[in-house]
């Protein structure tokens, strides 16, 4: 498999990205080619720093970088030599099977939509973020790709999230929940009420509306919402995870007895921290585009980049996109066959 890494994206640029790439190449032998896209001098300097001369690496020089202040669609059109655009071009030409970027999320989405287009039957892509609960992990989709989603888009998210949950995360029949203000089907906005009806008629394992508290108290495997709601949920969960450990450290440092207890429980604390650490999950796939695009956190560490490359490899291995196309085709054919009977 061949993967293109945007080596200029993210808050820290080449140092963290190249370090993560080196870690991934040492661990994942299934990666046969890794394109590092960006300023060649900077990338070569980082590779020299890590004493890495792996023959699987190919540097693709680019002269531009999409800044966080840039408007996504404008940047894609006017910064054609940006690292993210060049990385997506490699996927478009078939030279790479996937792109991984920690840069401007909007630019990654825009570049993928413009250059790769969407899969047959998919109108808008969605970001599928994986979040942990006490008993499992769940897919939150959409986590920020499309804030103005229509009902049919959310239905497509549900199918794509279910495919990812089944084929990558290993859930045989993933349950699907729709984020709303209450469990009853009459609760929510006009859009969520319409989506509820569509999901209920589908072949998905739809369990109904879920409130925010259900995400962790009574979890499902696929959580469906528009990109605005999803991104708020994702960022809130990230901040709470960080805050809890700060609060815990503050309280434990208040006495020697507490510190002693904390030392005895240190392995349990470490396990919980790893479970809530975004670095362990690497990146979130942008499902629905005709190619594989993995979006990593802007503040990604080398470990997070290594795991984002792992997520890309898993998506390639499990043939996620062909499964999505097949699921949508079946749904559309079933819906079309039922229409005459409903008239």
C-alpha atoms as a PDB file:
ATOM      1  CA  UNK A   1       0.000   0.000   0.000  1.00  0.00           C
ATOM      2  CA  UNK A   2       1.082   3.560  -0.738  1.00  0.00           C
ATOM      3  CA  UNK A   3       0.263   6.550   1.476  1.00  0.00           C
ATOM      4  CA  UNK A   4       0.838  10.292   0.988  1.00  0.00           C
ATOM      5  CA  UNK A   5       1.556  12.343   4.125  1.00  0.00           C
ATOM      6  CA  UNK A   6       1.068  16.106   4.116  1.00  0.00           C
ATOM      7  CA  UNK A   7       4.395  16.874   5.802  1.00  0.00           C
ATOM      8  CA  UNK A   8       3.671  20.599   6.267  1.00  0.00           C
ATOM      9  CA  UNK A   9       0.258  20.521   7.972  1.00  0.00           C
ATOM     10  CA  UNK A  10      -0.522  20.808  11.654  1.00  0.00           C
ATOM     11  CA  UNK A  11       0.661  23.082  14.420  1.00  0.00           C
ATOM     12  CA  UNK A  12       4.241  21.782  14.478  1.00  0.00           C
ATOM     13  CA  UNK A  13       5.004  21.052  10.824  1.00  0.00           C
ATOM     14  CA  UNK A  14       7.749  18.678   9.608  1.00  0.00           C
ATOM     15  CA  UNK A  15       9.383  17.840  12.997  1.00  0.00           C
ATOM     16  CA  UNK A  16       6.354  15.968  14.370  1.00  0.00           C
ATOM     17  CA  UNK A  17       5.097  14.741  11.012  1.00  0.00           C
ATOM     18  CA  UNK A  18       8.374  13.264   9.820  1.00  0.00           C
ATOM     19  CA  UNK A  19       9.048  11.757  13.258  1.00  0.00           C
ATOM     20  CA  UNK A  20       5.632  10.056  13.137  1.00  0.00           C
ATOM     21  CA  UNK A  21       6.308   8.833   9.602  1.00  0.00           C
ATOM     22  CA  UNK A  22       9.592   7.271  10.703  1.00  0.00           C
ATOM     23  CA  UNK A  23       7.837   5.526  13.614  1.00  0.00           C
ATOM     24  CA  UNK A  24       5.150   4.181  11.272  1.00  0.00           C
ATOM     25  CA  UNK A  25       7.634   2.815   8.749  1.00  0.00           C
ATOM     26  CA  UNK A  26       9.494   0.983  11.483  1.00  0.00           C
ATOM     27  CA  UNK A  27       6.301  -0.643  12.779  1.00  0.00           C
ATOM     28  CA  UNK A  28       4.050  -1.124   9.741  1.00  0.00           C
ATOM     29  CA  UNK A  29       5.826  -3.188   7.118  1.00  0.00           C
ATOM     30  CA  UNK A  30       2.660  -3.290   4.995  1.00  0.00           C
ATOM     31  CA  UNK A  31       3.340   0.313   3.962  1.00  0.00           C
ATOM     32  CA  UNK A  32       5.286  -0.166   0.733  1.00  0.00           C
ATOM     33  CA  UNK A  33       5.621   3.506  -0.212  1.00  0.00           C
ATOM     34  CA  UNK A  34       5.304   6.676   1.847  1.00  0.00           C
ATOM     35  CA  UNK A  35       5.242   9.999   0.038  1.00  0.00           C
ATOM     36  CA  UNK A  36       6.299  12.938   2.205  1.00  0.00           C
ATOM     37  CA  UNK A  37       4.831  16.030   0.579  1.00  0.00           C
ATOM     38  CA  UNK A  38       6.175  19.496   1.366  1.00  0.00           C
ATOM     39  CA  UNK A  39       9.381  21.509   1.479  1.00  0.00           C
ATOM     40  CA  UNK A  40      12.044  18.984   0.452  1.00  0.00           C
ATOM     41  CA  UNK A  41      14.890  20.702   2.338  1.00  0.00           C
ATOM     42  CA  UNK A  42      12.953  20.727   5.597  1.00  0.00           C
ATOM     43  CA  UNK A  43      11.839  17.115   5.179  1.00  0.00           C
ATOM     44  CA  UNK A  44      15.364  15.920   4.339  1.00  0.00           C
ATOM     45  CA  UNK A  45      16.712  17.716   7.393  1.00  0.00           C
ATOM     46  CA  UNK A  46      14.220  15.936   9.667  1.00  0.00           C
ATOM     47  CA  UNK A  47      14.966  12.546   8.080  1.00  0.00           C
ATOM     48  CA  UNK A  48      18.680  13.164   8.674  1.00  0.00           C
ATOM     49  CA  UNK A  49      17.889  14.051  12.285  1.00  0.00           C
ATOM     50  CA  UNK A  50      16.240  10.644  12.720  1.00  0.00           C
ATOM     51  CA  UNK A  51      18.970   8.859  10.747  1.00  0.00           C
ATOM     52  CA  UNK A  52      16.308   7.498   8.432  1.00  0.00           C
ATOM     53  CA  UNK A  53      17.138   6.499   4.869  1.00  0.00           C
ATOM     54  CA  UNK A  54      14.261   4.067   4.337  1.00  0.00           C
ATOM     55  CA  UNK A  55      13.935   3.268   0.633  1.00  0.00           C
ATOM     56  CA  UNK A  56      10.134   3.331   0.936  1.00  0.00           C
ATOM     57  CA  UNK A  57      10.197   7.119   1.397  1.00  0.00           C
ATOM     58  CA  UNK A  58       9.768   9.425  -1.573  1.00  0.00           C
ATOM     59  CA  UNK A  59       9.804  13.188  -1.092  1.00  0.00           C
ATOM     60  CA  UNK A  60       7.405  15.228  -3.243  1.00  0.00           C
ATOM     61  CA  UNK A  61       8.380  18.884  -3.182  1.00  0.00           C
ATOM     62  CA  UNK A  62       5.723  21.591  -2.827  1.00  0.00           C
ATOM     63  CA  UNK A  63       6.189  25.313  -2.385  1.00  0.00           C
ATOM     64  CA  UNK A  64       3.008  26.360  -0.587  1.00  0.00           C
ATOM     65  CA  UNK A  65       1.254  25.675   2.714  1.00  0.00           C
ATOM     66  CA  UNK A  66      -2.421  26.231   3.561  1.00  0.00           C
ATOM     67  CA  UNK A  67      -2.498  28.418   6.663  1.00  0.00           C
ATOM     68  CA  UNK A  68      -5.224  28.092   9.297  1.00  0.00           C
ATOM     69  CA  UNK A  69      -6.383  31.618   8.436  1.00  0.00           C
ATOM     70  CA  UNK A  70      -6.976  30.677   4.775  1.00  0.00           C
ATOM     71  CA  UNK A  71     -10.480  30.054   3.480  1.00  0.00           C
ATOM     72  CA  UNK A  72     -10.717  26.391   2.544  1.00  0.00           C
ATOM     73  CA  UNK A  73     -12.119  26.503  -1.000  1.00  0.00           C
ATOM     74  CA  UNK A  74     -10.115  29.609  -1.915  1.00  0.00           C
ATOM     75  CA  UNK A  75      -6.895  28.006  -0.708  1.00  0.00           C
ATOM     76  CA  UNK A  76      -7.461  24.894  -2.804  1.00  0.00           C
ATOM     77  CA  UNK A  77      -8.103  26.961  -5.915  1.00  0.00           C
ATOM     78  CA  UNK A  78      -5.293  29.485  -5.461  1.00  0.00           C
ATOM     79  CA  UNK A  79      -2.638  27.442  -3.652  1.00  0.00           C
ATOM     80  CA  UNK A  80      -2.398  24.641  -6.179  1.00  0.00           C
ATOM     81  CA  UNK A  81       1.146  23.788  -5.070  1.00  0.00           C
ATOM     82  CA  UNK A  82       0.224  23.419  -1.398  1.00  0.00           C
ATOM     83  CA  UNK A  83       1.297  20.242   0.364  1.00  0.00           C
ATOM     84  CA  UNK A  84      -2.275  19.084   0.977  1.00  0.00           C
ATOM     85  CA  UNK A  85      -3.279  19.642  -2.670  1.00  0.00           C
ATOM     86  CA  UNK A  86      -0.229  17.812  -3.981  1.00  0.00           C
ATOM     87  CA  UNK A  87      -0.872  14.928  -1.591  1.00  0.00           C
ATOM     88  CA  UNK A  88      -4.470  14.601  -2.796  1.00  0.00           C
ATOM     89  CA  UNK A  89      -3.205  14.751  -6.397  1.00  0.00           C
ATOM     90  CA  UNK A  90      -1.145  11.625  -5.719  1.00  0.00           C
ATOM     91  CA  UNK A  91      -4.327   9.782  -4.710  1.00  0.00           C
ATOM     92  CA  UNK A  92      -6.205  11.166  -7.715  1.00  0.00           C
ATOM     93  CA  UNK A  93      -3.517   9.881 -10.095  1.00  0.00           C
ATOM     94  CA  UNK A  94      -3.451   6.480  -8.416  1.00  0.00           C
ATOM     95  CA  UNK A  95       0.109   6.862  -7.163  1.00  0.00           C
ATOM     96  CA  UNK A  96      -1.085   6.717  -3.549  1.00  0.00           C
ATOM     97  CA  UNK A  97      -3.947   4.831  -1.942  1.00  0.00           C
ATOM     98  CA  UNK A  98      -4.544   7.342   0.866  1.00  0.00           C
ATOM     99  CA  UNK A  99      -3.649  10.776   2.174  1.00  0.00           C
ATOM    100  CA  UNK A 100      -2.987  11.678   5.815  1.00  0.00           C
ATOM    101  CA  UNK A 101      -3.026  15.323   6.904  1.00  0.00           C
ATOM    102  CA  UNK A 102      -2.962  17.205  10.199  1.00  0.00           C
ATOM    103  CA  UNK A 103      -3.412  20.532   8.462  1.00  0.00           C
ATOM    104  CA  UNK A 104      -6.410  22.724   7.650  1.00  0.00           C
ATOM    105  CA  UNK A 105      -9.437  20.403   7.919  1.00  0.00           C
ATOM    106  CA  UNK A 106     -11.575  22.502   5.602  1.00  0.00           C
ATOM    107  CA  UNK A 107      -8.871  22.526   2.932  1.00  0.00           C
ATOM    108  CA  UNK A 108      -8.453  18.751   3.194  1.00  0.00           C
ATOM    109  CA  UNK A 109     -12.218  18.278   2.766  1.00  0.00           C
ATOM    110  CA  UNK A 110     -12.390  20.767  -0.105  1.00  0.00           C
ATOM    111  CA  UNK A 111      -9.364  19.329  -1.923  1.00  0.00           C
ATOM    112  CA  UNK A 112     -10.722  15.804  -1.578  1.00  0.00           C
ATOM    113  CA  UNK A 113     -14.166  16.785  -2.864  1.00  0.00           C
ATOM    114  CA  UNK A 114     -12.819  18.820  -5.801  1.00  0.00           C
ATOM    115  CA  UNK A 115     -10.094  16.422  -6.900  1.00  0.00           C
ATOM    116  CA  UNK A 116     -11.409  12.992  -5.861  1.00  0.00           C
ATOM    117  CA  UNK A 117     -15.168  13.627  -5.982  1.00  0.00           C
ATOM    118  CA  UNK A 118     -17.603  11.624  -3.888  1.00  0.00           C
ATOM    119  CA  UNK A 119     -18.408   7.933  -4.107  1.00  0.00           C
ATOM    120  CA  UNK A 120     -21.424   6.858  -6.210  1.00  0.00           C
ATOM    121  CA  UNK A 121     -24.582   7.481  -4.197  1.00  0.00           C
ATOM    122  CA  UNK A 122     -22.886   9.837  -1.724  1.00  0.00           C
ATOM    123  CA  UNK A 123     -23.696  13.555  -1.859  1.00  0.00           C
ATOM    124  CA  UNK A 124     -21.503  14.871   0.977  1.00  0.00           C
ATOM    125  CA  UNK A 125     -18.599  13.278   2.844  1.00  0.00           C
ATOM    126  CA  UNK A 126     -18.511  13.050   6.619  1.00  0.00           C
ATOM    127  CA  UNK A 127     -15.688  12.886   9.151  1.00  0.00           C
ATOM    128  CA  UNK A 128     -15.898   9.721  11.255  1.00  0.00           C
ATOM    129  CA  UNK A 129     -14.291  10.298  14.661  1.00  0.00           C
ATOM    130  CA  UNK A 130     -13.784   7.294  16.944  1.00  0.00           C
ATOM    131  CA  UNK A 131     -14.513   7.974  20.624  1.00  0.00           C
ATOM    132  CA  UNK A 132     -14.195   5.658  23.650  1.00  0.00           C
ATOM    133  CA  UNK A 133     -16.834   4.632  26.185  1.00  0.00           C
ATOM    134  CA  UNK A 134     -16.621   2.359  29.227  1.00  0.00           C
ATOM    135  CA  UNK A 135     -17.509  -0.729  27.191  1.00  0.00           C
ATOM    136  CA  UNK A 136     -16.674   0.036  23.559  1.00  0.00           C
ATOM    137  CA  UNK A 137     -15.742   2.702  21.051  1.00  0.00           C
ATOM    138  CA  UNK A 138     -18.218   4.446  18.779  1.00  0.00           C
ATOM    139  CA  UNK A 139     -18.119   6.310  15.485  1.00  0.00           C
ATOM    140  CA  UNK A 140     -19.294   9.919  15.584  1.00  0.00           C
ATOM    141  CA  UNK A 141     -20.255  11.066  12.092  1.00  0.00           C
ATOM    142  CA  UNK A 142     -20.203  13.842  10.938  1.00  0.00           C
ATOM    143  CA  UNK A 143     -17.526  15.403  13.155  1.00  0.00           C
ATOM    144  CA  UNK A 144     -17.151  18.603  11.151  1.00  0.00           C
ATOM    145  CA  UNK A 145     -17.040  18.186   7.370  1.00  0.00           C
ATOM    146  CA  UNK A 146     -20.530  19.488   6.538  1.00  0.00           C
ATOM    147  CA  UNK A 147     -22.337  21.857   8.896  1.00  0.00           C
ATOM    148  CA  UNK A 148     -25.334  22.404   6.596  1.00  0.00           C
ATOM    149  CA  UNK A 149     -26.307  18.774   6.100  1.00  0.00           C
ATOM    150  CA  UNK A 150     -29.682  17.795   4.691  1.00  0.00           C
ATOM    151  CA  UNK A 151     -31.661  14.754   5.906  1.00  0.00           C
ATOM    152  CA  UNK A 152     -30.406  12.548   3.060  1.00  0.00           C
ATOM    153  CA  UNK A 153     -26.822  13.408   4.002  1.00  0.00           C
ATOM    154  CA  UNK A 154     -27.352  12.188   7.563  1.00  0.00           C
ATOM    155  CA  UNK A 155     -28.852   8.959   6.222  1.00  0.00           C
ATOM    156  CA  UNK A 156     -25.722   8.462   4.132  1.00  0.00           C
ATOM    157  CA  UNK A 157     -23.558   9.180   7.199  1.00  0.00           C
ATOM    158  CA  UNK A 158     -25.373   6.399   9.032  1.00  0.00           C
ATOM    159  CA  UNK A 159     -24.598   3.913   6.269  1.00  0.00           C
ATOM    160  CA  UNK A 160     -20.961   5.001   6.033  1.00  0.00           C
ATOM    161  CA  UNK A 161     -20.482   4.951   9.799  1.00  0.00           C
ATOM    162  CA  UNK A 162     -21.995   1.473   9.985  1.00  0.00           C
ATOM    163  CA  UNK A 163     -19.650   0.197   7.263  1.00  0.00           C
ATOM    164  CA  UNK A 164     -16.629   1.606   9.080  1.00  0.00           C
ATOM    165  CA  UNK A 165     -17.801   0.234  12.427  1.00  0.00           C
ATOM    166  CA  UNK A 166     -18.378  -3.210  10.949  1.00  0.00           C
ATOM    167  CA  UNK A 167     -15.326  -3.626   8.729  1.00  0.00           C
ATOM    168  CA  UNK A 168     -12.660  -1.664  10.625  1.00  0.00           C
ATOM    169  CA  UNK A 169     -13.800  -1.687  14.264  1.00  0.00           C
ATOM    170  CA  UNK A 170     -15.213  -5.216  14.104  1.00  0.00           C
ATOM    171  CA  UNK A 171     -18.851  -4.782  15.255  1.00  0.00           C
ATOM    172  CA  UNK A 172     -21.006  -7.428  13.584  1.00  0.00           C
ATOM    173  CA  UNK A 173     -24.250  -5.422  13.588  1.00  0.00           C
ATOM    174  CA  UNK A 174     -23.466  -1.901  14.799  1.00  0.00           C
ATOM    175  CA  UNK A 175     -26.297  -0.032  16.463  1.00  0.00           C
ATOM    176  CA  UNK A 176     -27.085   3.432  15.128  1.00  0.00           C
ATOM    177  CA  UNK A 177     -28.399   6.392  17.129  1.00  0.00           C
ATOM    178  CA  UNK A 178     -29.474   9.853  15.978  1.00  0.00           C
ATOM    179  CA  UNK A 179     -28.467  12.808  18.172  1.00  0.00           C
ATOM    180  CA  UNK A 180     -31.552  14.747  19.241  1.00  0.00           C
ATOM    181  CA  UNK A 181     -33.116  16.568  22.202  1.00  0.00           C
ATOM    182  CA  UNK A 182     -35.080  13.571  23.444  1.00  0.00           C
ATOM    183  CA  UNK A 183     -35.625   9.872  22.850  1.00  0.00           C
ATOM    184  CA  UNK A 184     -39.150  10.239  21.425  1.00  0.00           C
ATOM    185  CA  UNK A 185     -39.457  10.475  17.642  1.00  0.00           C
ATOM    186  CA  UNK A 186     -41.463  13.708  17.992  1.00  0.00           C
ATOM    187  CA  UNK A 187     -38.514  15.465  19.676  1.00  0.00           C
ATOM    188  CA  UNK A 188     -35.907  17.501  17.801  1.00  0.00           C
ATOM    189  CA  UNK A 189     -35.776  19.800  14.801  1.00  0.00           C
ATOM    190  CA  UNK A 190     -37.721  19.283  11.596  1.00  0.00           C
ATOM    191  CA  UNK A 191     -34.521  17.923  10.065  1.00  0.00           C
ATOM    192  CA  UNK A 192     -33.889  15.328  12.781  1.00  0.00           C
ATOM    193  CA  UNK A 193     -37.555  14.256  12.681  1.00  0.00           C
ATOM    194  CA  UNK A 194     -37.225  13.636   8.938  1.00  0.00           C
ATOM    195  CA  UNK A 195     -33.952  11.766   9.414  1.00  0.00           C
ATOM    196  CA  UNK A 196     -35.571   9.626  12.114  1.00  0.00           C
ATOM    197  CA  UNK A 197     -38.224   8.466   9.627  1.00  0.00           C
ATOM    198  CA  UNK A 198     -35.619   7.688   6.982  1.00  0.00           C
ATOM    199  CA  UNK A 199     -33.413   5.727   9.377  1.00  0.00           C
ATOM    200  CA  UNK A 200     -36.365   3.769  10.736  1.00  0.00           C
ATOM    201  CA  UNK A 201     -37.281   2.615   7.212  1.00  0.00           C
ATOM    202  CA  UNK A 202     -33.703   1.626   6.373  1.00  0.00           C
ATOM    203  CA  UNK A 203     -32.020  -1.750   6.895  1.00  0.00           C
ATOM    204  CA  UNK A 204     -29.666  -0.261   9.485  1.00  0.00           C
ATOM    205  CA  UNK A 205     -29.729  -1.369  13.119  1.00  0.00           C
ATOM    206  CA  UNK A 206     -31.346   1.918  14.151  1.00  0.00           C
ATOM    207  CA  UNK A 207     -32.240   2.190  17.850  1.00  0.00           C
ATOM    208  CA  UNK A 208     -33.770   5.676  17.727  1.00  0.00           C
ATOM    209  CA  UNK A 209     -32.890   9.111  19.054  1.00  0.00           C
ATOM    210  CA  UNK A 210     -30.144   9.499  21.629  1.00  0.00           C
ATOM    211  CA  UNK A 211     -29.399  12.414  23.911  1.00  0.00           C
ATOM    212  CA  UNK A 212     -25.931  13.630  24.802  1.00  0.00           C
ATOM    213  CA  UNK A 213     -25.905  11.598  28.025  1.00  0.00           C
ATOM    214  CA  UNK A 214     -26.431   8.389  26.048  1.00  0.00           C
ATOM    215  CA  UNK A 215     -23.078   8.737  24.310  1.00  0.00           C
ATOM    216  CA  UNK A 216     -21.332   7.248  27.333  1.00  0.00           C
ATOM    217  CA  UNK A 217     -24.090   5.936  29.636  1.00  0.00           C
ATOM    218  CA  UNK A 218     -25.890   3.760  27.100  1.00  0.00           C
ATOM    219  CA  UNK A 219     -23.583   3.805  24.073  1.00  0.00           C
ATOM    220  CA  UNK A 220     -24.350   2.810  20.501  1.00  0.00           C
ATOM    221  CA  UNK A 221     -21.710   1.991  17.904  1.00  0.00           C
ATOM    222  CA  UNK A 222     -22.624   4.740  15.399  1.00  0.00           C
ATOM    223  CA  UNK A 223     -23.721   8.247  16.417  1.00  0.00           C
ATOM    224  CA  UNK A 224     -25.230  10.308  13.598  1.00  0.00           C
ATOM    225  CA  UNK A 225     -25.462  14.117  13.513  1.00  0.00           C
ATOM    226  CA  UNK A 226     -24.596  17.060  11.280  1.00  0.00           C
ATOM    227  CA  UNK A 227     -21.084  18.489  11.239  1.00  0.00           C
ATOM    228  CA  UNK A 228     -21.939  21.454  13.470  1.00  0.00           C
ATOM    229  CA  UNK A 229     -23.280  19.319  16.298  1.00  0.00           C
ATOM    230  CA  UNK A 230     -20.623  16.657  15.790  1.00  0.00           C
ATOM    231  CA  UNK A 231     -17.719  19.061  15.969  1.00  0.00           C
ATOM    232  CA  UNK A 232     -19.085  20.623  19.168  1.00  0.00           C
ATOM    233  CA  UNK A 233     -19.430  17.144  20.709  1.00  0.00           C
ATOM    234  CA  UNK A 234     -15.903  16.168  19.642  1.00  0.00           C
ATOM    235  CA  UNK A 235     -14.212  19.322  20.935  1.00  0.00           C
ATOM    236  CA  UNK A 236     -16.202  19.198  24.182  1.00  0.00           C
ATOM    237  CA  UNK A 237     -15.168  15.581  24.807  1.00  0.00           C
ATOM    238  CA  UNK A 238     -11.518  16.447  24.136  1.00  0.00           C
ATOM    239  CA  UNK A 239     -11.545  19.371  26.563  1.00  0.00           C
ATOM    240  CA  UNK A 240     -13.352  17.424  29.301  1.00  0.00           C
ATOM    241  CA  UNK A 241     -10.820  14.582  29.081  1.00  0.00           C
ATOM    242  CA  UNK A 242      -7.953  17.053  29.552  1.00  0.00           C
ATOM    243  CA  UNK A 243      -9.754  18.924  32.354  1.00  0.00           C
ATOM    244  CA  UNK A 244     -10.546  15.762  34.341  1.00  0.00           C
ATOM    245  CA  UNK A 245      -6.899  14.738  34.529  1.00  0.00           C
ATOM    246  CA  UNK A 246      -5.911  18.264  35.597  1.00  0.00           C
ATOM    247  CA  UNK A 247      -8.559  18.225  38.332  1.00  0.00           C
ATOM    248  CA  UNK A 248      -7.443  14.775  39.416  1.00  0.00           C
ATOM    249  CA  UNK A 249      -3.779  15.768  39.628  1.00  0.00           C
ATOM    250  CA  UNK A 250      -4.684  18.894  41.618  1.00  0.00           C
ATOM    251  CA  UNK A 251      -6.679  16.863  44.161  1.00  0.00           C
ATOM    252  CA  UNK A 252      -4.099  14.090  44.441  1.00  0.00           C
ATOM    253  CA  UNK A 253      -1.306  16.574  45.120  1.00  0.00           C
ATOM    254  CA  UNK A 254      -3.134  17.969  48.159  1.00  0.00           C
ATOM    255  CA  UNK A 255      -1.793  15.341  50.584  1.00  0.00           C
ATOM    256  CA  UNK A 256       0.923  12.711  50.864  1.00  0.00           C
ATOM    257  CA  UNK A 257      -1.697  10.020  51.534  1.00  0.00           C
ATOM    258  CA  UNK A 258      -3.471  10.809  48.289  1.00  0.00           C
ATOM    259  CA  UNK A 259      -0.158  10.858  46.437  1.00  0.00           C
ATOM    260  CA  UNK A 260       0.678   7.427  47.874  1.00  0.00           C
ATOM    261  CA  UNK A 261      -2.692   6.091  46.743  1.00  0.00           C
ATOM    262  CA  UNK A 262      -2.170   7.595  43.324  1.00  0.00           C
ATOM    263  CA  UNK A 263       1.183   5.825  43.045  1.00  0.00           C
ATOM    264  CA  UNK A 264      -0.439   2.486  43.806  1.00  0.00           C
ATOM    265  CA  UNK A 265      -3.148   3.169  41.213  1.00  0.00           C
ATOM    266  CA  UNK A 266      -0.751   4.625  38.631  1.00  0.00           C
ATOM    267  CA  UNK A 267      -1.252   1.802  36.116  1.00  0.00           C
ATOM    268  CA  UNK A 268      -5.034   2.250  36.220  1.00  0.00           C
ATOM    269  CA  UNK A 269      -4.637   6.004  35.677  1.00  0.00           C
ATOM    270  CA  UNK A 270      -2.290   5.331  32.753  1.00  0.00           C
ATOM    271  CA  UNK A 271      -4.777   2.938  31.136  1.00  0.00           C
ATOM    272  CA  UNK A 272      -7.591   5.471  31.429  1.00  0.00           C
ATOM    273  CA  UNK A 273      -5.390   8.246  30.052  1.00  0.00           C
ATOM    274  CA  UNK A 274      -4.450   6.108  27.056  1.00  0.00           C
ATOM    275  CA  UNK A 275      -8.106   5.294  26.456  1.00  0.00           C
ATOM    276  CA  UNK A 276      -9.046   8.985  26.321  1.00  0.00           C
ATOM    277  CA  UNK A 277      -5.902  10.147  24.503  1.00  0.00           C
ATOM    278  CA  UNK A 278      -6.593  11.255  20.911  1.00  0.00           C
ATOM    279  CA  UNK A 279      -3.004  10.298  20.027  1.00  0.00           C
ATOM    280  CA  UNK A 280      -3.907   6.624  20.363  1.00  0.00           C
ATOM    281  CA  UNK A 281      -6.704   6.963  17.798  1.00  0.00           C
ATOM    282  CA  UNK A 282      -4.511   8.813  15.288  1.00  0.00           C
ATOM    283  CA  UNK A 283      -6.894  10.353  12.813  1.00  0.00           C
ATOM    284  CA  UNK A 284     -10.457  10.392  11.530  1.00  0.00           C
ATOM    285  CA  UNK A 285     -11.378   9.125   8.059  1.00  0.00           C
ATOM    286  CA  UNK A 286     -13.250  11.437   5.731  1.00  0.00           C
ATOM    287  CA  UNK A 287     -15.809   8.907   4.549  1.00  0.00           C
ATOM    288  CA  UNK A 288     -17.601   9.314   1.241  1.00  0.00           C
ATOM    289  CA  UNK A 289     -14.835  10.620  -1.025  1.00  0.00           C
ATOM    290  CA  UNK A 290     -13.498   8.510  -3.884  1.00  0.00           C
ATOM    291  CA  UNK A 291     -10.225   7.836  -2.132  1.00  0.00           C
ATOM    292  CA  UNK A 292      -9.007   7.561   1.450  1.00  0.00           C
ATOM    293  CA  UNK A 293      -8.369  10.747   3.412  1.00  0.00           C
ATOM    294  CA  UNK A 294      -7.405  10.635   7.077  1.00  0.00           C
ATOM    295  CA  UNK A 295      -7.639  13.877   9.053  1.00  0.00           C
ATOM    296  CA  UNK A 296      -5.405  14.058  12.124  1.00  0.00           C
ATOM    297  CA  UNK A 297      -5.540  16.541  15.009  1.00  0.00           C
ATOM    298  CA  UNK A 298      -3.770  19.826  14.328  1.00  0.00           C
ATOM    299  CA  UNK A 299      -1.676  19.399  17.476  1.00  0.00           C
ATOM    300  CA  UNK A 300      -0.695  15.836  16.567  1.00  0.00           C
ATOM    301  CA  UNK A 301       2.405  14.413  18.209  1.00  0.00           C
ATOM    302  CA  UNK A 302       4.650  11.921  16.381  1.00  0.00           C
ATOM    303  CA  UNK A 303       2.674   9.129  18.070  1.00  0.00           C
ATOM    304  CA  UNK A 304      -0.603  10.548  16.750  1.00  0.00           C
ATOM    305  CA  UNK A 305       0.816  10.758  13.217  1.00  0.00           C
ATOM    306  CA  UNK A 306       2.073   7.178  13.444  1.00  0.00           C
ATOM    307  CA  UNK A 307      -1.421   6.063  14.439  1.00  0.00           C
ATOM    308  CA  UNK A 308      -3.048   8.194  11.726  1.00  0.00           C
ATOM    309  CA  UNK A 309      -0.941   6.296   9.195  1.00  0.00           C
ATOM    310  CA  UNK A 310      -2.143   3.079  10.838  1.00  0.00           C
ATOM    311  CA  UNK A 311      -5.764   4.188  10.383  1.00  0.00           C
ATOM    312  CA  UNK A 312      -5.038   4.848   6.700  1.00  0.00           C
ATOM    313  CA  UNK A 313      -3.522   1.391   6.343  1.00  0.00           C
ATOM    314  CA  UNK A 314      -6.556  -0.220   7.999  1.00  0.00           C
ATOM    315  CA  UNK A 315      -8.953   1.608   5.680  1.00  0.00           C
ATOM    316  CA  UNK A 316      -6.985   0.417   2.659  1.00  0.00           C
ATOM    317  CA  UNK A 317      -6.802  -3.172   3.921  1.00  0.00           C
ATOM    318  CA  UNK A 318     -10.504  -3.403   4.793  1.00  0.00           C
ATOM    319  CA  UNK A 319     -11.696  -1.946   1.463  1.00  0.00           C
ATOM    320  CA  UNK A 320     -13.984   0.543   3.201  1.00  0.00           C
ATOM    321  CA  UNK A 321     -15.003   2.478   0.073  1.00  0.00           C
ATOM    322  CA  UNK A 322     -16.206  -0.515  -1.994  1.00  0.00           C
ATOM    323  CA  UNK A 323     -18.298  -1.628   0.986  1.00  0.00           C
ATOM    324  CA  UNK A 324     -19.857   1.849   1.263  1.00  0.00           C
ATOM    325  CA  UNK A 325     -20.727   1.870  -2.446  1.00  0.00           C
ATOM    326  CA  UNK A 326     -22.344  -1.562  -2.153  1.00  0.00           C
ATOM    327  CA  UNK A 327     -24.409  -0.622   0.929  1.00  0.00           C
ATOM    328  CA  UNK A 328     -25.704   2.573  -0.705  1.00  0.00           C
ATOM    329  CA  UNK A 329     -26.471   0.714  -3.955  1.00  0.00           C
ATOM    330  CA  UNK A 330     -28.544  -1.874  -2.093  1.00  0.00           C
ATOM    331  CA  UNK A 331     -30.455   0.815  -0.208  1.00  0.00           C
ATOM    332  CA  UNK A 332     -31.204   2.796  -3.375  1.00  0.00           C
ATOM    333  CA  UNK A 333     -32.348  -0.324  -5.237  1.00  0.00           C
ATOM    334  CA  UNK A 334     -34.598  -1.375  -2.350  1.00  0.00           C
ATOM    335  CA  UNK A 335     -36.079   2.115  -2.072  1.00  0.00           C
ATOM    336  CA  UNK A 336     -36.711   2.289  -5.821  1.00  0.00           C
ATOM    337  CA  UNK A 337     -38.460  -1.102  -5.815  1.00  0.00           C
ATOM    338  CA  UNK A 338     -40.763  -0.029  -2.985  1.00  0.00           C
ATOM    339  CA  UNK A 339     -41.800   3.307  -4.510  1.00  0.00           C
ATOM    340  CA  UNK A 340     -44.491   1.902  -6.886  1.00  0.00           C
ATOM    341  CA  UNK A 341     -46.137   0.067  -3.982  1.00  0.00           C
ATOM    342  CA  UNK A 342     -46.240   3.249  -1.912  1.00  0.00           C
ATOM    343  CA  UNK A 343     -48.011   5.300  -4.577  1.00  0.00           C
END
